[in-house]
Amino acid sequence: MEYCAKRNEIAYASSDGMVYIRAFSPNGSEMVLLNTLDGHDLEITVVRYNHVYDRWITGSEDGTVKIWKPDAMECERTLSTQGAVNTLCIDKVNGCIVTAVEHAIKVYDMDTLNLVQTNIGHVDNIRTLTHVVERAQYISGSWDKTIRIWNSYRRPTRRRRPNEDGIVSR
């Protein structure tokens, strides 16, 4: 389940294989159904909102992560993770999708869908994952009874080269 304050929406996965998106209201009877997300082949394990890219993101036991168009609620892109997605979080700085795929953390760039970082260390399924912006770290919890801390992904920066006069140009 995920709440998006920007859109005032709440999304949740259901046992029928769908994600339901409702307008949020403190009065449950006023939580109007806005849309549904349908497209995974197996159980949906997680739904998150990517605030950097303004997209709903879902992960599933079918080994895929789906990125949904913001208003049409159609699947925009599908990412194959090569294993069941236990959970995921969104990197709050760069918008990368940080997945827990069985025992590993896999970080995917939202623009290219390339795998940009892998963290291995748990010996059982990872069940929870969060991004701590202030520390530039991901924290994971696993059925192996451990909590692990990882450095978050940082996009490579281009080094500036000095010109002939030794002045760094932009």
N, C-alpha and C. Protein backbone atom coordinates (compact mmCIF):
# COMPACT_ATOMS: atom_id res chain seq x y z
N MET A 1 0.85 -1.17 0.00
CA MET A 1 0.00 0.00 0.00
C MET A 1 0.90 1.24 0.00
N GLU A 2 0.46 2.25 -0.73
CA GLU A 2 1.25 3.48 -0.82
C GLU A 2 0.30 4.68 -0.94
N TYR A 3 0.64 5.74 -0.24
CA TYR A 3 -0.10 7.00 -0.34
C TYR A 3 0.75 8.00 -1.10
N CYS A 4 0.16 8.69 -2.05
CA CYS A 4 0.85 9.75 -2.80
C CYS A 4 0.18 11.07 -2.46
N ALA A 5 0.88 11.89 -1.65
CA ALA A 5 0.33 13.18 -1.23
C ALA A 5 0.16 14.13 -2.41
N LYS A 6 1.08 14.08 -3.35
CA LYS A 6 1.04 14.98 -4.50
C LYS A 6 -0.27 14.81 -5.29
N ARG A 7 -0.72 13.57 -5.42
CA ARG A 7 -1.93 13.28 -6.18
C ARG A 7 -3.13 13.01 -5.27
N ASN A 8 -2.89 12.99 -3.95
CA ASN A 8 -3.91 12.63 -2.96
C ASN A 8 -4.58 11.30 -3.32
N GLU A 9 -3.73 10.31 -3.61
CA GLU A 9 -4.20 8.99 -3.99
C GLU A 9 -3.60 7.93 -3.08
N ILE A 10 -4.33 6.85 -2.93
CA ILE A 10 -3.82 5.69 -2.22
C ILE A 10 -3.95 4.49 -3.16
N ALA A 11 -2.88 3.69 -3.21
CA ALA A 11 -2.87 2.52 -4.09
C ALA A 11 -2.59 1.29 -3.25
N TYR A 12 -3.24 0.20 -3.60
CA TYR A 12 -3.03 -1.04 -2.87
C TYR A 12 -3.21 -2.22 -3.81
N ALA A 13 -2.44 -3.29 -3.55
CA ALA A 13 -2.54 -4.51 -4.33
C ALA A 13 -3.59 -5.41 -3.68
N SER A 14 -4.30 -6.15 -4.52
CA SER A 14 -5.36 -7.03 -4.05
C SER A 14 -5.06 -8.47 -4.45
N SER A 15 -5.73 -9.40 -3.79
CA SER A 15 -5.52 -10.82 -4.09
C SER A 15 -6.02 -11.20 -5.48
N ASP A 16 -6.77 -10.33 -6.14
CA ASP A 16 -7.25 -10.62 -7.49
C ASP A 16 -6.22 -10.24 -8.56
N GLY A 17 -5.00 -9.86 -8.14
CA GLY A 17 -3.93 -9.55 -9.09
C GLY A 17 -3.99 -8.14 -9.65
N MET A 18 -4.76 -7.28 -9.05
CA MET A 18 -4.90 -5.91 -9.52
C MET A 18 -4.39 -4.94 -8.47
N VAL A 19 -4.03 -3.74 -8.92
CA VAL A 19 -3.75 -2.63 -8.02
C VAL A 19 -4.91 -1.65 -8.19
N TYR A 20 -5.45 -1.23 -7.07
CA TYR A 20 -6.56 -0.27 -7.08
C TYR A 20 -6.04 1.08 -6.60
N ILE A 21 -6.40 2.12 -7.33
CA ILE A 21 -6.00 3.48 -6.97
C ILE A 21 -7.28 4.27 -6.66
N ARG A 22 -7.29 4.85 -5.47
CA ARG A 22 -8.47 5.59 -5.01
C ARG A 22 -8.07 7.01 -4.60
N ALA A 23 -9.01 7.93 -4.75
CA ALA A 23 -8.83 9.28 -4.21
C ALA A 23 -8.88 9.14 -2.70
N PHE A 24 -7.89 9.69 -2.01
CA PHE A 24 -7.85 9.52 -0.56
C PHE A 24 -8.84 10.45 0.12
N SER A 25 -9.46 9.92 1.17
CA SER A 25 -10.36 10.70 2.02
C SER A 25 -10.35 10.07 3.40
N PRO A 26 -10.43 10.89 4.45
CA PRO A 26 -10.53 10.33 5.81
C PRO A 26 -11.82 9.52 6.00
N ASN A 27 -12.80 9.78 5.16
CA ASN A 27 -14.06 9.05 5.20
C ASN A 27 -13.98 7.95 4.14
N GLY A 28 -13.92 6.70 4.57
CA GLY A 28 -13.73 5.58 3.66
C GLY A 28 -14.75 5.50 2.55
N SER A 29 -15.99 5.88 2.82
CA SER A 29 -17.04 5.79 1.79
C SER A 29 -16.83 6.83 0.69
N GLU A 30 -15.96 7.80 0.92
CA GLU A 30 -15.68 8.83 -0.09
C GLU A 30 -14.41 8.54 -0.88
N MET A 31 -13.80 7.39 -0.65
CA MET A 31 -12.57 7.03 -1.37
C MET A 31 -12.95 6.42 -2.72
N VAL A 32 -13.18 7.30 -3.68
CA VAL A 32 -13.66 6.92 -5.00
C VAL A 32 -12.56 6.19 -5.77
N LEU A 33 -12.95 5.11 -6.44
CA LEU A 33 -12.02 4.37 -7.29
C LEU A 33 -11.69 5.21 -8.52
N LEU A 34 -10.40 5.50 -8.70
CA LEU A 34 -9.96 6.31 -9.85
C LEU A 34 -9.51 5.43 -11.00
N ASN A 35 -8.81 4.34 -10.65
CA ASN A 35 -8.27 3.50 -11.71
C ASN A 35 -7.80 2.18 -11.14
N THR A 36 -7.50 1.26 -12.05
CA THR A 36 -6.90 -0.02 -11.68
C THR A 36 -5.69 -0.26 -12.56
N LEU A 37 -4.72 -0.96 -12.01
CA LEU A 37 -3.53 -1.35 -12.77
C LEU A 37 -3.56 -2.87 -12.90
N ASP A 38 -3.54 -3.34 -14.13
CA ASP A 38 -3.62 -4.78 -14.39
C ASP A 38 -2.57 -5.14 -15.42
N GLY A 39 -1.77 -6.17 -15.13
CA GLY A 39 -0.76 -6.55 -16.12
C GLY A 39 0.24 -7.58 -15.64
N HIS A 40 0.33 -7.81 -14.34
CA HIS A 40 1.26 -8.82 -13.83
C HIS A 40 0.63 -10.21 -13.97
N ASP A 41 1.48 -11.23 -14.12
CA ASP A 41 1.01 -12.60 -14.27
C ASP A 41 0.85 -13.33 -12.94
N LEU A 42 1.58 -12.90 -11.92
CA LEU A 42 1.49 -13.51 -10.59
C LEU A 42 1.18 -12.42 -9.56
N GLU A 43 1.20 -12.79 -8.30
CA GLU A 43 0.84 -11.87 -7.23
C GLU A 43 1.70 -10.60 -7.23
N ILE A 44 1.05 -9.47 -7.04
CA ILE A 44 1.75 -8.19 -6.92
C ILE A 44 2.19 -8.07 -5.47
N THR A 45 3.48 -7.88 -5.27
CA THR A 45 4.04 -7.86 -3.92
C THR A 45 4.21 -6.45 -3.38
N VAL A 46 4.27 -5.46 -4.25
CA VAL A 46 4.55 -4.10 -3.79
C VAL A 46 4.08 -3.07 -4.81
N VAL A 47 3.60 -1.95 -4.30
CA VAL A 47 3.26 -0.80 -5.14
C VAL A 47 3.86 0.44 -4.48
N ARG A 48 4.56 1.24 -5.27
CA ARG A 48 5.20 2.47 -4.78
C ARG A 48 4.98 3.59 -5.78
N TYR A 49 5.08 4.82 -5.28
CA TYR A 49 4.99 5.99 -6.16
C TYR A 49 6.38 6.60 -6.29
N ASN A 50 6.81 6.81 -7.53
CA ASN A 50 8.10 7.43 -7.80
C ASN A 50 7.87 8.94 -7.93
N HIS A 51 8.24 9.68 -6.89
CA HIS A 51 8.01 11.13 -6.88
C HIS A 51 8.94 11.88 -7.81
N VAL A 52 10.07 11.29 -8.15
CA VAL A 52 11.01 11.95 -9.06
C VAL A 52 10.47 11.91 -10.49
N TYR A 53 9.87 10.79 -10.87
CA TYR A 53 9.38 10.60 -12.24
C TYR A 53 7.85 10.66 -12.35
N ASP A 54 7.17 10.85 -11.22
CA ASP A 54 5.70 10.90 -11.21
C ASP A 54 5.06 9.69 -11.89
N ARG A 55 5.42 8.52 -11.39
CA ARG A 55 4.88 7.26 -11.92
C ARG A 55 4.57 6.30 -10.78
N TRP A 56 3.51 5.51 -10.94
CA TRP A 56 3.28 4.37 -10.05
C TRP A 56 4.18 3.24 -10.52
N ILE A 57 4.76 2.51 -9.58
CA ILE A 57 5.66 1.39 -9.86
C ILE A 57 5.13 0.17 -9.11
N THR A 58 5.06 -0.98 -9.79
CA THR A 58 4.63 -2.21 -9.12
C THR A 58 5.66 -3.30 -9.32
N GLY A 59 5.77 -4.18 -8.33
CA GLY A 59 6.66 -5.34 -8.41
C GLY A 59 5.86 -6.60 -8.13
N SER A 60 6.31 -7.72 -8.71
CA SER A 60 5.52 -8.93 -8.64
C SER A 60 6.37 -10.18 -8.49
N GLU A 61 5.72 -11.24 -8.05
CA GLU A 61 6.37 -12.55 -7.99
C GLU A 61 6.68 -13.08 -9.38
N ASP A 62 6.11 -12.47 -10.43
CA ASP A 62 6.40 -12.92 -11.80
C ASP A 62 7.76 -12.45 -12.29
N GLY A 63 8.52 -11.76 -11.43
CA GLY A 63 9.88 -11.33 -11.79
C GLY A 63 9.92 -10.06 -12.61
N THR A 64 8.85 -9.27 -12.55
CA THR A 64 8.84 -8.02 -13.30
C THR A 64 8.51 -6.84 -12.39
N VAL A 65 8.99 -5.69 -12.84
CA VAL A 65 8.61 -4.40 -12.28
C VAL A 65 7.93 -3.66 -13.42
N LYS A 66 6.79 -3.08 -13.14
CA LYS A 66 6.07 -2.33 -14.17
C LYS A 66 6.00 -0.86 -13.79
N ILE A 67 6.19 -0.03 -14.80
CA ILE A 67 6.13 1.43 -14.66
C ILE A 67 4.87 1.87 -15.39
N TRP A 68 4.03 2.62 -14.68
CA TRP A 68 2.70 2.96 -15.20
C TRP A 68 2.62 4.44 -15.58
N LYS A 69 2.03 4.71 -16.74
CA LYS A 69 1.79 6.10 -17.16
C LYS A 69 0.93 6.78 -16.12
N PRO A 70 1.21 8.05 -15.82
CA PRO A 70 0.56 8.70 -14.68
C PRO A 70 -0.95 8.88 -14.78
N ASP A 71 -1.48 9.18 -15.91
CA ASP A 71 -2.91 9.44 -16.00
C ASP A 71 -3.68 8.38 -16.78
N ALA A 72 -3.07 7.82 -17.79
CA ALA A 72 -3.74 6.79 -18.57
C ALA A 72 -3.78 5.46 -17.82
N MET A 73 -2.87 5.30 -16.84
CA MET A 73 -2.76 4.08 -16.05
C MET A 73 -2.53 2.85 -16.92
N GLU A 74 -1.78 3.05 -18.00
CA GLU A 74 -1.35 1.95 -18.85
C GLU A 74 0.09 1.65 -18.51
N CYS A 75 0.47 0.39 -18.69
CA CYS A 75 1.86 0.02 -18.44
C CYS A 75 2.74 0.70 -19.50
N GLU A 76 3.68 1.49 -19.02
CA GLU A 76 4.57 2.23 -19.91
C GLU A 76 5.78 1.38 -20.29
N ARG A 77 6.36 0.71 -19.28
CA ARG A 77 7.53 -0.14 -19.51
C ARG A 77 7.52 -1.29 -18.51
N THR A 78 8.13 -2.39 -18.92
CA THR A 78 8.27 -3.55 -18.05
C THR A 78 9.74 -3.90 -17.93
N LEU A 79 10.15 -4.12 -16.71
CA LEU A 79 11.54 -4.44 -16.38
C LEU A 79 11.59 -5.87 -15.86
N SER A 80 12.45 -6.70 -16.45
CA SER A 80 12.62 -8.08 -15.97
C SER A 80 13.75 -8.10 -14.95
N THR A 81 13.47 -8.63 -13.76
CA THR A 81 14.46 -8.65 -12.68
C THR A 81 15.14 -10.00 -12.51
N GLN A 82 14.75 -10.99 -13.31
CA GLN A 82 15.33 -12.34 -13.25
C GLN A 82 15.09 -13.02 -11.91
N GLY A 83 13.97 -12.73 -11.28
CA GLY A 83 13.60 -13.36 -10.01
C GLY A 83 12.43 -12.61 -9.39
N ALA A 84 11.75 -13.28 -8.48
CA ALA A 84 10.58 -12.69 -7.82
C ALA A 84 10.97 -11.42 -7.07
N VAL A 85 10.16 -10.39 -7.21
CA VAL A 85 10.37 -9.13 -6.51
C VAL A 85 9.66 -9.21 -5.16
N ASN A 86 10.45 -9.27 -4.08
CA ASN A 86 9.87 -9.35 -2.74
C ASN A 86 9.33 -8.00 -2.29
N THR A 87 10.09 -6.95 -2.56
CA THR A 87 9.69 -5.59 -2.21
C THR A 87 10.54 -4.64 -3.04
N LEU A 88 10.23 -3.36 -2.98
CA LEU A 88 11.06 -2.36 -3.64
C LEU A 88 10.85 -1.02 -2.95
N CYS A 89 11.79 -0.13 -3.18
CA CYS A 89 11.63 1.26 -2.76
C CYS A 89 12.15 2.13 -3.89
N ILE A 90 11.90 3.39 -3.79
CA ILE A 90 12.36 4.35 -4.79
C ILE A 90 13.46 5.19 -4.18
N ASP A 91 14.57 5.32 -4.91
CA ASP A 91 15.64 6.21 -4.47
C ASP A 91 15.10 7.63 -4.56
N LYS A 92 15.03 8.31 -3.45
CA LYS A 92 14.39 9.62 -3.38
C LYS A 92 15.24 10.74 -3.99
N VAL A 93 16.50 10.45 -4.31
CA VAL A 93 17.38 11.46 -4.90
C VAL A 93 17.35 11.37 -6.42
N ASN A 94 17.56 10.17 -6.97
CA ASN A 94 17.68 10.04 -8.42
C ASN A 94 16.52 9.28 -9.07
N GLY A 95 15.58 8.79 -8.28
CA GLY A 95 14.41 8.11 -8.83
C GLY A 95 14.65 6.68 -9.26
N CYS A 96 15.82 6.13 -8.98
CA CYS A 96 16.09 4.74 -9.35
C CYS A 96 15.13 3.80 -8.62
N ILE A 97 14.86 2.66 -9.26
CA ILE A 97 14.03 1.63 -8.65
C ILE A 97 14.97 0.67 -7.92
N VAL A 98 14.79 0.55 -6.61
CA VAL A 98 15.64 -0.29 -5.77
C VAL A 98 14.81 -1.52 -5.40
N THR A 99 15.16 -2.67 -5.97
CA THR A 99 14.36 -3.88 -5.79
C THR A 99 15.06 -4.87 -4.86
N ALA A 100 14.24 -5.64 -4.16
CA ALA A 100 14.73 -6.79 -3.39
C ALA A 100 14.29 -8.02 -4.17
N VAL A 101 15.25 -8.63 -4.85
CA VAL A 101 14.98 -9.81 -5.66
C VAL A 101 15.64 -10.99 -4.96
N GLU A 102 14.81 -11.76 -4.27
CA GLU A 102 15.27 -12.88 -3.46
C GLU A 102 16.30 -12.39 -2.44
N HIS A 103 17.58 -12.77 -2.57
CA HIS A 103 18.60 -12.41 -1.57
C HIS A 103 19.38 -11.14 -1.93
N ALA A 104 19.12 -10.56 -3.08
CA ALA A 104 19.94 -9.45 -3.58
C ALA A 104 19.13 -8.17 -3.71
N ILE A 105 19.85 -7.06 -3.60
CA ILE A 105 19.27 -5.75 -3.89
C ILE A 105 19.78 -5.35 -5.27
N LYS A 106 18.86 -5.02 -6.16
CA LYS A 106 19.21 -4.61 -7.51
C LYS A 106 18.64 -3.21 -7.74
N VAL A 107 19.51 -2.31 -8.20
CA VAL A 107 19.12 -0.92 -8.44
C VAL A 107 19.08 -0.70 -9.95
N TYR A 108 17.94 -0.19 -10.44
CA TYR A 108 17.75 0.04 -11.86
C TYR A 108 17.54 1.53 -12.13
N ASP A 109 18.21 2.02 -13.16
CA ASP A 109 18.05 3.40 -13.60
C ASP A 109 16.69 3.55 -14.28
N MET A 110 15.92 4.54 -13.91
CA MET A 110 14.57 4.73 -14.48
C MET A 110 14.60 5.13 -15.95
N ASP A 111 15.63 5.84 -16.38
CA ASP A 111 15.68 6.30 -17.77
C ASP A 111 16.00 5.16 -18.73
N THR A 112 16.97 4.33 -18.36
CA THR A 112 17.45 3.28 -19.27
C THR A 112 16.96 1.89 -18.89
N LEU A 113 16.50 1.71 -17.66
CA LEU A 113 16.15 0.42 -17.07
C LEU A 113 17.36 -0.50 -16.94
N ASN A 114 18.55 0.07 -17.05
CA ASN A 114 19.77 -0.72 -16.85
C ASN A 114 19.99 -1.00 -15.38
N LEU A 115 20.52 -2.19 -15.10
CA LEU A 115 20.94 -2.54 -13.75
C LEU A 115 22.22 -1.76 -13.47
N VAL A 116 22.22 -0.89 -12.46
CA VAL A 116 23.37 -0.02 -12.20
C VAL A 116 24.10 -0.37 -10.91
N GLN A 117 23.47 -1.17 -10.05
CA GLN A 117 24.13 -1.55 -8.79
C GLN A 117 23.48 -2.82 -8.27
N THR A 118 24.31 -3.72 -7.73
CA THR A 118 23.83 -4.94 -7.07
C THR A 118 24.50 -5.05 -5.72
N ASN A 119 23.71 -5.34 -4.69
CA ASN A 119 24.24 -5.55 -3.34
C ASN A 119 23.87 -6.96 -2.90
N ILE A 120 24.88 -7.74 -2.54
CA ILE A 120 24.67 -9.13 -2.11
C ILE A 120 25.25 -9.31 -0.73
N GLY A 121 24.52 -10.02 0.14
CA GLY A 121 25.01 -10.25 1.49
C GLY A 121 24.02 -11.02 2.34
N HIS A 122 22.73 -10.87 2.05
CA HIS A 122 21.72 -11.63 2.79
C HIS A 122 21.75 -13.09 2.33
N VAL A 123 21.36 -14.00 3.22
CA VAL A 123 21.33 -15.42 2.86
C VAL A 123 19.90 -15.96 2.80
N ASP A 124 18.92 -15.10 2.98
CA ASP A 124 17.51 -15.47 2.82
C ASP A 124 16.79 -14.28 2.20
N ASN A 125 15.53 -14.46 1.85
CA ASN A 125 14.78 -13.41 1.16
C ASN A 125 14.75 -12.10 1.93
N ILE A 126 14.93 -11.02 1.19
CA ILE A 126 14.82 -9.66 1.74
C ILE A 126 13.34 -9.32 1.77
N ARG A 127 12.86 -8.85 2.92
CA ARG A 127 11.44 -8.58 3.09
C ARG A 127 11.11 -7.10 3.21
N THR A 128 12.09 -6.27 3.55
CA THR A 128 11.82 -4.84 3.68
C THR A 128 13.03 -4.05 3.21
N LEU A 129 12.76 -2.87 2.67
CA LEU A 129 13.82 -2.08 2.06
C LEU A 129 13.41 -0.61 2.12
N THR A 130 14.36 0.25 2.49
CA THR A 130 14.07 1.69 2.53
C THR A 130 15.31 2.48 2.14
N HIS A 131 15.10 3.70 1.71
CA HIS A 131 16.19 4.61 1.35
C HIS A 131 16.24 5.72 2.40
N VAL A 132 17.41 5.88 3.01
CA VAL A 132 17.62 6.94 3.99
C VAL A 132 18.45 8.02 3.29
N VAL A 133 17.77 9.07 2.86
CA VAL A 133 18.41 10.13 2.07
C VAL A 133 19.54 10.79 2.83
N GLU A 134 19.30 11.10 4.10
CA GLU A 134 20.27 11.85 4.91
C GLU A 134 21.61 11.12 5.05
N ARG A 135 21.59 9.81 4.94
CA ARG A 135 22.82 9.02 5.07
C ARG A 135 23.29 8.45 3.73
N ALA A 136 22.55 8.70 2.66
CA ALA A 136 22.85 8.15 1.34
C ALA A 136 23.02 6.63 1.43
N GLN A 137 22.02 5.99 2.05
CA GLN A 137 22.10 4.55 2.25
C GLN A 137 20.73 3.89 2.04
N TYR A 138 20.80 2.60 1.67
CA TYR A 138 19.62 1.75 1.66
C TYR A 138 19.73 0.84 2.88
N ILE A 139 18.61 0.53 3.50
CA ILE A 139 18.59 -0.39 4.63
C ILE A 139 17.65 -1.53 4.27
N SER A 140 18.13 -2.76 4.45
CA SER A 140 17.33 -3.93 4.12
C SER A 140 17.19 -4.84 5.33
N GLY A 141 16.05 -5.50 5.41
CA GLY A 141 15.80 -6.49 6.45
C GLY A 141 15.40 -7.80 5.78
N SER A 142 15.90 -8.90 6.32
CA SER A 142 15.73 -10.19 5.67
C SER A 142 15.21 -11.25 6.62
N TRP A 143 14.69 -12.33 6.04
CA TRP A 143 14.29 -13.48 6.84
C TRP A 143 15.50 -14.16 7.47
N ASP A 144 16.72 -13.77 7.07
CA ASP A 144 17.91 -14.35 7.71
C ASP A 144 18.19 -13.70 9.07
N LYS A 145 17.25 -12.88 9.53
CA LYS A 145 17.30 -12.22 10.84
C LYS A 145 18.39 -11.15 10.93
N THR A 146 18.74 -10.55 9.78
CA THR A 146 19.72 -9.47 9.79
C THR A 146 19.14 -8.23 9.13
N ILE A 147 19.69 -7.10 9.55
CA ILE A 147 19.44 -5.82 8.89
C ILE A 147 20.78 -5.38 8.34
N ARG A 148 20.79 -4.99 7.09
CA ARG A 148 22.05 -4.57 6.46
C ARG A 148 21.92 -3.16 5.92
N ILE A 149 23.05 -2.47 5.90
CA ILE A 149 23.10 -1.09 5.42
C ILE A 149 24.03 -1.04 4.22
N TRP A 150 23.57 -0.40 3.16
CA TRP A 150 24.30 -0.34 1.89
C TRP A 150 24.42 1.12 1.45
N ASN A 151 25.50 1.43 0.74
CA ASN A 151 25.62 2.76 0.14
C ASN A 151 24.64 2.87 -1.02
N SER A 152 23.95 3.99 -1.09
CA SER A 152 22.99 4.17 -2.18
C SER A 152 23.73 4.48 -3.48
N TYR A 153 23.01 4.28 -4.58
CA TYR A 153 23.58 4.50 -5.90
C TYR A 153 23.73 5.99 -6.16
N ARG A 154 24.88 6.33 -6.71
CA ARG A 154 25.13 7.71 -7.14
C ARG A 154 25.49 7.68 -8.61
N ARG A 155 24.79 8.49 -9.36
CA ARG A 155 25.09 8.55 -10.79
C ARG A 155 26.51 9.08 -10.98
N PRO A 156 27.23 8.51 -11.94
CA PRO A 156 28.59 9.01 -12.18
C PRO A 156 28.56 10.46 -12.64
N THR A 157 29.51 11.21 -12.17
CA THR A 157 29.62 12.60 -12.61
C THR A 157 30.75 12.70 -13.61
N ARG A 158 30.57 13.57 -14.57
CA ARG A 158 31.61 13.77 -15.58
C ARG A 158 32.70 14.64 -15.00
N ARG A 159 33.90 14.21 -15.18
CA ARG A 159 35.03 15.01 -14.72
C ARG A 159 35.28 16.12 -15.71
N ARG A 160 35.51 17.27 -15.19
CA ARG A 160 35.81 18.42 -16.05
C ARG A 160 37.29 18.43 -16.34
N ARG A 161 37.61 18.64 -17.59
CA ARG A 161 39.01 18.65 -18.00
C ARG A 161 39.48 20.08 -18.21
N PRO A 162 40.67 20.37 -17.73
CA PRO A 162 41.19 21.72 -17.97
C PRO A 162 41.49 21.92 -19.45
N ASN A 163 41.30 23.15 -19.92
CA ASN A 163 41.66 23.44 -21.30
C ASN A 163 43.16 23.71 -21.38
N GLU A 164 43.62 24.20 -22.51
CA GLU A 164 45.06 24.42 -22.72
C GLU A 164 45.66 25.38 -21.69
N ASP A 165 44.86 26.32 -21.19
CA ASP A 165 45.36 27.31 -20.23
C ASP A 165 45.27 26.81 -18.79
N GLY A 166 44.79 25.58 -18.61
CA GLY A 166 44.66 25.04 -17.26
C GLY A 166 43.39 25.46 -16.55
N ILE A 167 42.47 26.07 -17.30
CA ILE A 167 41.21 26.51 -16.71
C ILE A 167 40.16 25.43 -16.93
N VAL A 168 39.46 25.10 -15.87
CA VAL A 168 38.41 24.09 -15.98
C VAL A 168 37.20 24.73 -16.63
N SER A 169 36.75 24.13 -17.73
CA SER A 169 35.59 24.67 -18.43
C SER A 169 34.35 23.88 -18.03
N ARG A 170 33.21 24.50 -18.26
CA ARG A 170 31.94 23.85 -17.90
C ARG A 170 31.35 23.12 -19.04
